[in-house]
Amino acid sequence: MRTLFTLITIVLATTSLKAQITYEFSLSFVGINSATGNYQMALLATPSASVTNHSTDDMGAGFYVPTGLTIGNFVTGNSNLPASEWFITPMGSGTGGDAYFLGRDEAGAFSVLLNGSGPFQLVLFDVIANPNPSSGEIKFVENGDPVFDTIFIENYINIAAQNLYAQNNPAASAVQFNTLHSNSAIVFEDLSVFPNPAQQELFLKSSTLSHIRSVIFHSIDGKKVYENNHLSIVNNSSKIDVSSFLNALYFMTVTSKNGDQETYKVLIQR
């Protein structure tokens, strides 16, 4: 009975597919993953026309990243394809760096349907690095690239058991890391540190405090005296208790989630 139901589902979904509808892949920078501090990307699929109840199956895409980096930490996107169904497999080195295949093994019997004109976030994922890269790029492996092997041979998206992949969007097939890295300067341009000199409390104020990974104080002889990796933020402000600090000059290093750093001189004086 289940086999018959599955067959009927596939037939009905296949009938609903317009012959000319295909999907174009693209790559988009989402932002900083607040859980990891890494750059977060989205694998997007855009249909050539609006779709109704396109039942999803297995799919995947190849990516190049700079040598030594990898991708992972999957998050469900607006397509509602479960993050748990995605996997990453290394394919070795090629002309664009280290190659990985990002794939989905569909486990829900075509239960996730795509509706609308997209683009659909098939999955969100991190470029895993510490700190985040300031040069190089992440880009699609194009079909026909010899780095594709006998198991993962191409980019594809199966809808009702049909591969409807057309191409990677030439205008959105790569993300340059240097364009992302420069944006982190905004964190420091907007940051206020007061009062200075401080007595009992020091305040950090910025609309981008959530982009700060850590705040560390060192004494002038280089000893670390304080570290905070989880700022408590209220109304764009965070308070640091310096009541236990000795009267002295300290160097406060602020590290953004992009990995950039700025150092501020803070005087404790009572």
C-alpha atoms as a PDB file:
ATOM      1  CA  MET A   1       0.000   0.000   0.000  1.00  0.00           C
ATOM      2  CA  ARG A   2       2.787   2.391   0.889  1.00  0.00           C
ATOM      3  CA  THR A   3       4.604   1.572  -2.350  1.00  0.00           C
ATOM      4  CA  LEU A   4       1.432   2.326  -4.319  1.00  0.00           C
ATOM      5  CA  PHE A   5       0.910   5.582  -2.406  1.00  0.00           C
ATOM      6  CA  THR A   6       4.502   6.651  -3.067  1.00  0.00           C
ATOM      7  CA  LEU A   7       4.126   5.843  -6.757  1.00  0.00           C
ATOM      8  CA  ILE A   8       0.904   7.838  -6.977  1.00  0.00           C
ATOM      9  CA  THR A   9       2.548  10.768  -5.182  1.00  0.00           C
ATOM     10  CA  ILE A  10       5.442  10.786  -7.613  1.00  0.00           C
ATOM     11  CA  VAL A  11       3.160  10.529 -10.637  1.00  0.00           C
ATOM     12  CA  LEU A  12       0.942  13.372  -9.467  1.00  0.00           C
ATOM     13  CA  ALA A  13       3.916  15.577  -8.615  1.00  0.00           C
ATOM     14  CA  THR A  14       5.571  14.783 -11.914  1.00  0.00           C
ATOM     15  CA  THR A  15       2.403  15.681 -13.802  1.00  0.00           C
ATOM     16  CA  SER A  16       2.343  19.058 -12.062  1.00  0.00           C
ATOM     17  CA  LEU A  17       5.828  19.937 -13.284  1.00  0.00           C
ATOM     18  CA  LYS A  18       5.807  22.269 -16.209  1.00  0.00           C
ATOM     19  CA  ALA A  19       8.152  20.968 -18.875  1.00  0.00           C
ATOM     20  CA  GLN A  20      10.187  24.152 -19.037  1.00  0.00           C
ATOM     21  CA  ILE A  21      10.707  24.696 -15.292  1.00  0.00           C
ATOM     22  CA  THR A  22      14.290  24.263 -14.148  1.00  0.00           C
ATOM     23  CA  TYR A  23      16.244  25.433 -11.108  1.00  0.00           C
ATOM     24  CA  GLU A  24      19.248  27.732 -10.998  1.00  0.00           C
ATOM     25  CA  PHE A  25      21.639  27.472  -8.040  1.00  0.00           C
ATOM     26  CA  SER A  26      23.221  30.503  -6.411  1.00  0.00           C
ATOM     27  CA  LEU A  27      25.347  31.236  -3.356  1.00  0.00           C
ATOM     28  CA  SER A  28      24.578  33.975  -0.850  1.00  0.00           C
ATOM     29  CA  PHE A  29      26.281  35.356   2.258  1.00  0.00           C
ATOM     30  CA  VAL A  30      23.755  35.311   5.122  1.00  0.00           C
ATOM     31  CA  GLY A  31      25.835  36.882   7.901  1.00  0.00           C
ATOM     32  CA  ILE A  32      27.697  35.738  10.985  1.00  0.00           C
ATOM     33  CA  ASN A  33      26.403  32.557  12.577  1.00  0.00           C
ATOM     34  CA  SER A  34      25.785  33.724  16.159  1.00  0.00           C
ATOM     35  CA  ALA A  35      26.319  30.186  17.469  1.00  0.00           C
ATOM     36  CA  THR A  36      29.761  29.717  15.893  1.00  0.00           C
ATOM     37  CA  GLY A  37      31.114  33.117  14.845  1.00  0.00           C
ATOM     38  CA  ASN A  38      31.703  31.781  11.323  1.00  0.00           C
ATOM     39  CA  TYR A  39      30.606  33.215   7.999  1.00  0.00           C
ATOM     40  CA  GLN A  40      27.241  31.667   7.149  1.00  0.00           C
ATOM     41  CA  MET A  41      26.237  30.968   3.548  1.00  0.00           C
ATOM     42  CA  ALA A  42      23.037  29.863   1.856  1.00  0.00           C
ATOM     43  CA  LEU A  43      22.708  27.417  -1.023  1.00  0.00           C
ATOM     44  CA  LEU A  44      19.821  28.870  -3.012  1.00  0.00           C
ATOM     45  CA  ALA A  45      17.639  27.379  -5.736  1.00  0.00           C
ATOM     46  CA  THR A  46      15.500  29.624  -7.924  1.00  0.00           C
ATOM     47  CA  PRO A  47      12.929  28.098 -10.283  1.00  0.00           C
ATOM     48  CA  SER A  48      12.528  29.478 -13.789  1.00  0.00           C
ATOM     49  CA  ALA A  49       8.813  29.980 -13.028  1.00  0.00           C
ATOM     50  CA  SER A  50       6.662  29.916  -9.919  1.00  0.00           C
ATOM     51  CA  VAL A  51       6.127  26.366  -8.665  1.00  0.00           C
ATOM     52  CA  THR A  52       3.296  24.606  -6.842  1.00  0.00           C
ATOM     53  CA  ASN A  53       3.874  21.587  -4.608  1.00  0.00           C
ATOM     54  CA  HIS A  54       7.225  20.636  -6.083  1.00  0.00           C
ATOM     55  CA  SER A  55       8.092  17.561  -4.022  1.00  0.00           C
ATOM     56  CA  THR A  56      11.756  17.490  -3.082  1.00  0.00           C
ATOM     57  CA  ASP A  57      14.147  14.582  -3.360  1.00  0.00           C
ATOM     58  CA  ASP A  58      17.937  14.210  -3.133  1.00  0.00           C
ATOM     59  CA  MET A  59      20.057  17.192  -4.192  1.00  0.00           C
ATOM     60  CA  GLY A  60      23.546  18.553  -3.862  1.00  0.00           C
ATOM     61  CA  ALA A  61      26.238  20.968  -4.985  1.00  0.00           C
ATOM     62  CA  GLY A  62      30.013  21.100  -5.046  1.00  0.00           C
ATOM     63  CA  PHE A  63      32.012  23.952  -3.527  1.00  0.00           C
ATOM     64  CA  TYR A  64      35.612  25.090  -3.540  1.00  0.00           C
ATOM     65  CA  VAL A  65      37.064  26.777  -0.442  1.00  0.00           C
ATOM     66  CA  PRO A  66      40.644  27.914   0.237  1.00  0.00           C
ATOM     67  CA  THR A  67      43.007  25.075   1.126  1.00  0.00           C
ATOM     68  CA  GLY A  68      42.682  24.103   4.787  1.00  0.00           C
ATOM     69  CA  LEU A  69      39.122  25.346   5.267  1.00  0.00           C
ATOM     70  CA  THR A  70      35.956  23.285   5.302  1.00  0.00           C
ATOM     71  CA  ILE A  71      32.179  23.792   5.483  1.00  0.00           C
ATOM     72  CA  GLY A  72      29.482  22.470   7.832  1.00  0.00           C
ATOM     73  CA  ASN A  73      27.181  23.432  10.748  1.00  0.00           C
ATOM     74  CA  PHE A  74      23.960  23.042   8.777  1.00  0.00           C
ATOM     75  CA  VAL A  75      20.891  25.136   9.586  1.00  0.00           C
ATOM     76  CA  THR A  76      17.410  24.770   8.076  1.00  0.00           C
ATOM     77  CA  GLY A  77      16.602  27.545   5.586  1.00  0.00           C
ATOM     78  CA  ASN A  78      13.301  28.953   4.363  1.00  0.00           C
ATOM     79  CA  SER A  79      12.703  25.861   2.214  1.00  0.00           C
ATOM     80  CA  ASN A  80      12.167  23.835   5.426  1.00  0.00           C
ATOM     81  CA  LEU A  81      14.439  21.059   4.158  1.00  0.00           C
ATOM     82  CA  PRO A  82      15.687  19.556   7.461  1.00  0.00           C
ATOM     83  CA  ALA A  83      19.262  20.429   8.370  1.00  0.00           C
ATOM     84  CA  SER A  84      19.677  16.862   9.648  1.00  0.00           C
ATOM     85  CA  GLU A  85      19.362  15.481   6.106  1.00  0.00           C
ATOM     86  CA  TRP A  86      22.452  17.301   4.825  1.00  0.00           C
ATOM     87  CA  PHE A  87      26.010  15.986   4.743  1.00  0.00           C
ATOM     88  CA  ILE A  88      29.435  17.122   3.589  1.00  0.00           C
ATOM     89  CA  THR A  89      31.995  14.963   1.774  1.00  0.00           C
ATOM     90  CA  PRO A  90      35.542  16.031   0.795  1.00  0.00           C
ATOM     91  CA  MET A  91      36.414  15.526  -2.869  1.00  0.00           C
ATOM     92  CA  GLY A  92      40.099  16.426  -2.672  1.00  0.00           C
ATOM     93  CA  SER A  93      41.973  19.367  -4.145  1.00  0.00           C
ATOM     94  CA  GLY A  94      41.309  20.972  -7.483  1.00  0.00           C
ATOM     95  CA  THR A  95      41.912  24.147  -9.404  1.00  0.00           C
ATOM     96  CA  GLY A  96      39.885  26.215  -6.926  1.00  0.00           C
ATOM     97  CA  GLY A  97      41.284  24.883  -3.640  1.00  0.00           C
ATOM     98  CA  ASP A  98      39.764  22.127  -1.501  1.00  0.00           C
ATOM     99  CA  ALA A  99      36.523  20.735  -2.923  1.00  0.00           C
ATOM    100  CA  TYR A 100      33.538  19.512  -0.921  1.00  0.00           C
ATOM    101  CA  PHE A 101      30.210  18.050  -1.927  1.00  0.00           C
ATOM    102  CA  LEU A 102      27.258  19.413   0.039  1.00  0.00           C
ATOM    103  CA  GLY A 103      24.422  16.941  -0.360  1.00  0.00           C
ATOM    104  CA  ARG A 104      20.993  16.011   0.914  1.00  0.00           C
ATOM    105  CA  ASP A 105      19.665  12.466   1.359  1.00  0.00           C
ATOM    106  CA  GLU A 106      15.900  12.963   1.409  1.00  0.00           C
ATOM    107  CA  ALA A 107      14.354  11.051   4.312  1.00  0.00           C
ATOM    108  CA  GLY A 108      10.770  12.294   4.330  1.00  0.00           C
ATOM    109  CA  ALA A 109       9.158  10.480   1.357  1.00  0.00           C
ATOM    110  CA  PHE A 110       8.870  13.670  -0.751  1.00  0.00           C
ATOM    111  CA  SER A 111       7.134  15.386   2.163  1.00  0.00           C
ATOM    112  CA  VAL A 112       8.860  18.789   1.845  1.00  0.00           C
ATOM    113  CA  LEU A 113       7.168  20.807  -0.910  1.00  0.00           C
ATOM    114  CA  LEU A 114       8.393  23.957  -2.622  1.00  0.00           C
ATOM    115  CA  ASN A 115       5.830  26.630  -3.463  1.00  0.00           C
ATOM    116  CA  GLY A 116       6.300  30.038  -5.027  1.00  0.00           C
ATOM    117  CA  SER A 117       8.924  31.773  -7.091  1.00  0.00           C
ATOM    118  CA  GLY A 118      11.860  31.456  -4.667  1.00  0.00           C
ATOM    119  CA  PRO A 119      14.701  31.780  -4.222  1.00  0.00           C
ATOM    120  CA  PHE A 120      14.584  28.859  -1.804  1.00  0.00           C
ATOM    121  CA  GLN A 121      17.267  28.475   0.850  1.00  0.00           C
ATOM    122  CA  LEU A 122      17.975  24.783   0.447  1.00  0.00           C
ATOM    123  CA  VAL A 123      20.306  24.881   3.461  1.00  0.00           C
ATOM    124  CA  LEU A 124      22.451  27.316   5.450  1.00  0.00           C
ATOM    125  CA  PHE A 125      26.035  26.353   6.255  1.00  0.00           C
ATOM    126  CA  ASP A 126      29.265  27.771   7.684  1.00  0.00           C
ATOM    127  CA  VAL A 127      32.658  28.294   6.168  1.00  0.00           C
ATOM    128  CA  ILE A 128      34.549  26.885   9.142  1.00  0.00           C
ATOM    129  CA  ALA A 129      37.626  28.939  10.041  1.00  0.00           C
ATOM    130  CA  ASN A 130      39.185  30.690  13.030  1.00  0.00           C
ATOM    131  CA  PRO A 131      39.532  33.547  12.423  1.00  0.00           C
ATOM    132  CA  ASN A 132      37.212  34.057   9.487  1.00  0.00           C
ATOM    133  CA  PRO A 133      39.155  34.338   6.215  1.00  0.00           C
ATOM    134  CA  SER A 134      40.048  37.790   4.879  1.00  0.00           C
ATOM    135  CA  SER A 135      41.014  36.641   1.391  1.00  0.00           C
ATOM    136  CA  GLY A 136      40.071  33.994  -1.134  1.00  0.00           C
ATOM    137  CA  GLU A 137      36.559  32.849  -1.945  1.00  0.00           C
ATOM    138  CA  ILE A 138      33.990  30.102  -1.751  1.00  0.00           C
ATOM    139  CA  LYS A 139      32.616  29.153  -5.148  1.00  0.00           C
ATOM    140  CA  PHE A 140      30.645  26.447  -6.896  1.00  0.00           C
ATOM    141  CA  VAL A 141      32.356  23.525  -8.539  1.00  0.00           C
ATOM    142  CA  GLU A 142      30.947  23.627 -12.060  1.00  0.00           C
ATOM    143  CA  ASN A 143      29.597  20.520 -13.743  1.00  0.00           C
ATOM    144  CA  GLY A 144      32.315  18.964 -15.859  1.00  0.00           C
ATOM    145  CA  ASP A 145      35.086  19.874 -13.392  1.00  0.00           C
ATOM    146  CA  PRO A 146      37.333  16.807 -13.020  1.00  0.00           C
ATOM    147  CA  VAL A 147      37.290  17.177  -9.213  1.00  0.00           C
ATOM    148  CA  PHE A 148      33.818  15.622  -9.317  1.00  0.00           C
ATOM    149  CA  ASP A 149      34.376  11.897  -8.767  1.00  0.00           C
ATOM    150  CA  THR A 150      32.497   8.694  -9.556  1.00  0.00           C
ATOM    151  CA  ILE A 151      30.156   9.122  -6.579  1.00  0.00           C
ATOM    152  CA  PHE A 152      29.405  12.833  -6.736  1.00  0.00           C
ATOM    153  CA  ILE A 153      29.447  13.667 -10.426  1.00  0.00           C
ATOM    154  CA  GLU A 154      27.480  16.903 -10.706  1.00  0.00           C
ATOM    155  CA  ASN A 155      25.334  19.598  -9.140  1.00  0.00           C
ATOM    156  CA  TYR A 156      21.712  18.435  -9.149  1.00  0.00           C
ATOM    157  CA  ILE A 157      18.269  18.951  -7.637  1.00  0.00           C
ATOM    158  CA  ASN A 158      15.732  16.142  -7.875  1.00  0.00           C
ATOM    159  CA  ILE A 159      12.083  17.176  -7.854  1.00  0.00           C
ATOM    160  CA  ALA A 160       9.668  14.217  -7.926  1.00  0.00           C
ATOM    161  CA  ALA A 161      12.600  12.041  -8.996  1.00  0.00           C
ATOM    162  CA  GLN A 162      13.555  14.347 -11.897  1.00  0.00           C
ATOM    163  CA  ASN A 163      16.816  16.305 -11.985  1.00  0.00           C
ATOM    164  CA  LEU A 164      15.763  19.892 -12.758  1.00  0.00           C
ATOM    165  CA  TYR A 165      19.148  21.563 -12.278  1.00  0.00           C
ATOM    166  CA  ALA A 166      19.976  24.099 -14.997  1.00  0.00           C
ATOM    167  CA  GLN A 167      23.140  25.963 -13.998  1.00  0.00           C
ATOM    168  CA  ASN A 168      24.875  28.015 -11.326  1.00  0.00           C
ATOM    169  CA  ASN A 169      23.962  31.680 -11.587  1.00  0.00           C
ATOM    170  CA  PRO A 170      27.104  33.282 -13.094  1.00  0.00           C
ATOM    171  CA  ALA A 171      26.486  36.457 -11.094  1.00  0.00           C
ATOM    172  CA  ALA A 172      26.114  34.602  -7.774  1.00  0.00           C
ATOM    173  CA  SER A 173      28.432  31.614  -8.071  1.00  0.00           C
ATOM    174  CA  ALA A 174      31.064  32.822  -5.582  1.00  0.00           C
ATOM    175  CA  VAL A 175      31.509  34.963  -2.463  1.00  0.00           C
ATOM    176  CA  GLN A 176      34.744  36.914  -2.003  1.00  0.00           C
ATOM    177  CA  PHE A 177      35.890  36.883   1.620  1.00  0.00           C
ATOM    178  CA  ASN A 178      37.696  40.221   1.458  1.00  0.00           C
ATOM    179  CA  THR A 179      34.371  41.987   0.852  1.00  0.00           C
ATOM    180  CA  LEU A 180      32.989  40.451   4.061  1.00  0.00           C
ATOM    181  CA  HIS A 181      36.096  41.004   6.153  1.00  0.00           C
ATOM    182  CA  SER A 182      36.101  44.759   5.564  1.00  0.00           C
ATOM    183  CA  ASN A 183      32.573  45.071   6.968  1.00  0.00           C
ATOM    184  CA  SER A 184      33.760  44.125  10.454  1.00  0.00           C
ATOM    185  CA  ALA A 185      35.364  47.569  10.839  1.00  0.00           C
ATOM    186  CA  ILE A 186      31.863  48.862  11.529  1.00  0.00           C
ATOM    187  CA  VAL A 187      31.975  47.081  14.901  1.00  0.00           C
ATOM    188  CA  PHE A 188      34.838  49.276  16.075  1.00  0.00           C
ATOM    189  CA  GLU A 189      33.765  52.516  14.394  1.00  0.00           C
ATOM    190  CA  ASP A 190      30.529  52.405  16.392  1.00  0.00           C
ATOM    191  CA  LEU A 191      32.026  51.311  19.728  1.00  0.00           C
ATOM    192  CA  SER A 192      32.139  53.692  22.707  1.00  0.00           C
ATOM    193  CA  VAL A 193      34.103  52.862  25.865  1.00  0.00           C
ATOM    194  CA  PHE A 194      33.318  54.926  28.982  1.00  0.00           C
ATOM    195  CA  PRO A 195      33.974  56.270  31.539  1.00  0.00           C
ATOM    196  CA  ASN A 196      37.724  56.393  31.074  1.00  0.00           C
ATOM    197  CA  PRO A 197      39.263  56.676  33.651  1.00  0.00           C
ATOM    198  CA  ALA A 198      36.897  54.189  35.280  1.00  0.00           C
ATOM    199  CA  GLN A 199      36.332  53.400  38.927  1.00  0.00           C
ATOM    200  CA  GLN A 200      33.872  50.545  39.503  1.00  0.00           C
ATOM    201  CA  GLU A 201      32.214  49.956  36.148  1.00  0.00           C
ATOM    202  CA  LEU A 202      33.157  50.281  32.487  1.00  0.00           C
ATOM    203  CA  PHE A 203      30.569  50.417  29.708  1.00  0.00           C
ATOM    204  CA  LEU A 204      30.762  49.349  26.096  1.00  0.00           C
ATOM    205  CA  LYS A 205      28.094  50.859  23.864  1.00  0.00           C
ATOM    206  CA  SER A 206      27.441  50.010  20.220  1.00  0.00           C
ATOM    207  CA  SER A 207      24.614  48.933  17.953  1.00  0.00           C
ATOM    208  CA  THR A 208      26.865  46.036  16.902  1.00  0.00           C
ATOM    209  CA  LEU A 209      27.825  44.582  20.297  1.00  0.00           C
ATOM    210  CA  SER A 210      26.362  41.227  19.213  1.00  0.00           C
ATOM    211  CA  HIS A 211      29.210  40.987  16.690  1.00  0.00           C
ATOM    212  CA  ILE A 212      31.834  40.974  19.470  1.00  0.00           C
ATOM    213  CA  ARG A 213      33.328  37.586  20.273  1.00  0.00           C
ATOM    214  CA  SER A 214      35.444  38.499  23.318  1.00  0.00           C
ATOM    215  CA  VAL A 215      36.772  41.284  25.539  1.00  0.00           C
ATOM    216  CA  ILE A 216      40.132  40.683  27.237  1.00  0.00           C
ATOM    217  CA  PHE A 217      42.115  42.920  29.601  1.00  0.00           C
ATOM    218  CA  HIS A 218      45.885  42.687  30.001  1.00  0.00           C
ATOM    219  CA  SER A 219      48.052  44.547  32.479  1.00  0.00           C
ATOM    220  CA  ILE A 220      50.965  46.604  31.132  1.00  0.00           C
ATOM    221  CA  ASP A 221      53.299  43.666  31.872  1.00  0.00           C
ATOM    222  CA  GLY A 222      51.242  41.408  29.578  1.00  0.00           C
ATOM    223  CA  LYS A 223      49.299  39.376  32.163  1.00  0.00           C
ATOM    224  CA  LYS A 224      45.664  38.594  31.360  1.00  0.00           C
ATOM    225  CA  VAL A 225      43.461  39.850  34.178  1.00  0.00           C
ATOM    226  CA  TYR A 226      39.987  39.546  32.663  1.00  0.00           C
ATOM    227  CA  GLU A 227      38.186  37.764  29.835  1.00  0.00           C
ATOM    228  CA  ASN A 228      34.537  37.849  28.774  1.00  0.00           C
ATOM    229  CA  ASN A 229      33.299  35.683  25.908  1.00  0.00           C
ATOM    230  CA  HIS A 230      29.583  36.260  26.490  1.00  0.00           C
ATOM    231  CA  LEU A 231      28.711  39.934  26.837  1.00  0.00           C
ATOM    232  CA  SER A 232      25.422  40.702  28.519  1.00  0.00           C
ATOM    233  CA  ILE A 233      23.775  43.313  26.276  1.00  0.00           C
ATOM    234  CA  VAL A 234      20.958  45.646  27.333  1.00  0.00           C
ATOM    235  CA  ASN A 235      19.861  48.534  25.087  1.00  0.00           C
ATOM    236  CA  ASN A 236      23.041  48.325  22.975  1.00  0.00           C
ATOM    237  CA  SER A 237      25.172  48.560  26.110  1.00  0.00           C
ATOM    238  CA  SER A 238      27.260  46.096  28.111  1.00  0.00           C
ATOM    239  CA  LYS A 239      28.671  46.621  31.615  1.00  0.00           C
ATOM    240  CA  ILE A 240      32.032  45.303  32.826  1.00  0.00           C
ATOM    241  CA  ASP A 241      32.730  45.181  36.556  1.00  0.00           C
ATOM    242  CA  VAL A 242      36.249  46.535  37.123  1.00  0.00           C
ATOM    243  CA  SER A 243      35.902  47.019  40.898  1.00  0.00           C
ATOM    244  CA  SER A 244      38.512  44.324  41.566  1.00  0.00           C
ATOM    245  CA  PHE A 245      41.094  45.874  39.232  1.00  0.00           C
ATOM    246  CA  LEU A 246      44.061  47.646  40.800  1.00  0.00           C
ATOM    247  CA  ASN A 247      44.628  51.295  39.965  1.00  0.00           C
ATOM    248  CA  ALA A 248      46.641  51.018  36.779  1.00  0.00           C
ATOM    249  CA  LEU A 249      46.630  51.297  33.006  1.00  0.00           C
ATOM    250  CA  TYR A 250      45.219  48.269  31.146  1.00  0.00           C
ATOM    251  CA  PHE A 251      44.988  47.205  27.528  1.00  0.00           C
ATOM    252  CA  MET A 252      41.507  46.041  26.547  1.00  0.00           C
ATOM    253  CA  THR A 253      41.411  43.899  23.379  1.00  0.00           C
ATOM    254  CA  VAL A 254      38.065  43.566  21.634  1.00  0.00           C
ATOM    255  CA  THR A 255      37.749  40.744  19.087  1.00  0.00           C
ATOM    256  CA  SER A 256      34.896  40.681  16.590  1.00  0.00           C
ATOM    257  CA  LYS A 257      33.278  37.474  15.402  1.00  0.00           C
ATOM    258  CA  ASN A 258      35.057  38.077  12.096  1.00  0.00           C
ATOM    259  CA  GLY A 259      38.341  37.681  13.979  1.00  0.00           C
ATOM    260  CA  ASP A 260      39.392  41.350  13.749  1.00  0.00           C
ATOM    261  CA  GLN A 261      40.791  43.050  16.826  1.00  0.00           C
ATOM    262  CA  GLU A 262      41.138  46.520  18.302  1.00  0.00           C
ATOM    263  CA  THR A 263      42.987  47.424  21.495  1.00  0.00           C
ATOM    264  CA  TYR A 264      41.935  50.270  23.808  1.00  0.00           C
ATOM    265  CA  LYS A 265      43.800  51.819  26.724  1.00  0.00           C
ATOM    266  CA  VAL A 266      41.673  51.868  29.882  1.00  0.00           C
ATOM    267  CA  LEU A 267      42.779  53.620  33.053  1.00  0.00           C
ATOM    268  CA  ILE A 268      41.409  52.448  36.431  1.00  0.00           C
ATOM    269  CA  GLN A 269      41.653  55.303  38.897  1.00  0.00           C
ATOM    270  CA  ARG A 270      39.856  55.729  42.209  1.00  0.00           C
END
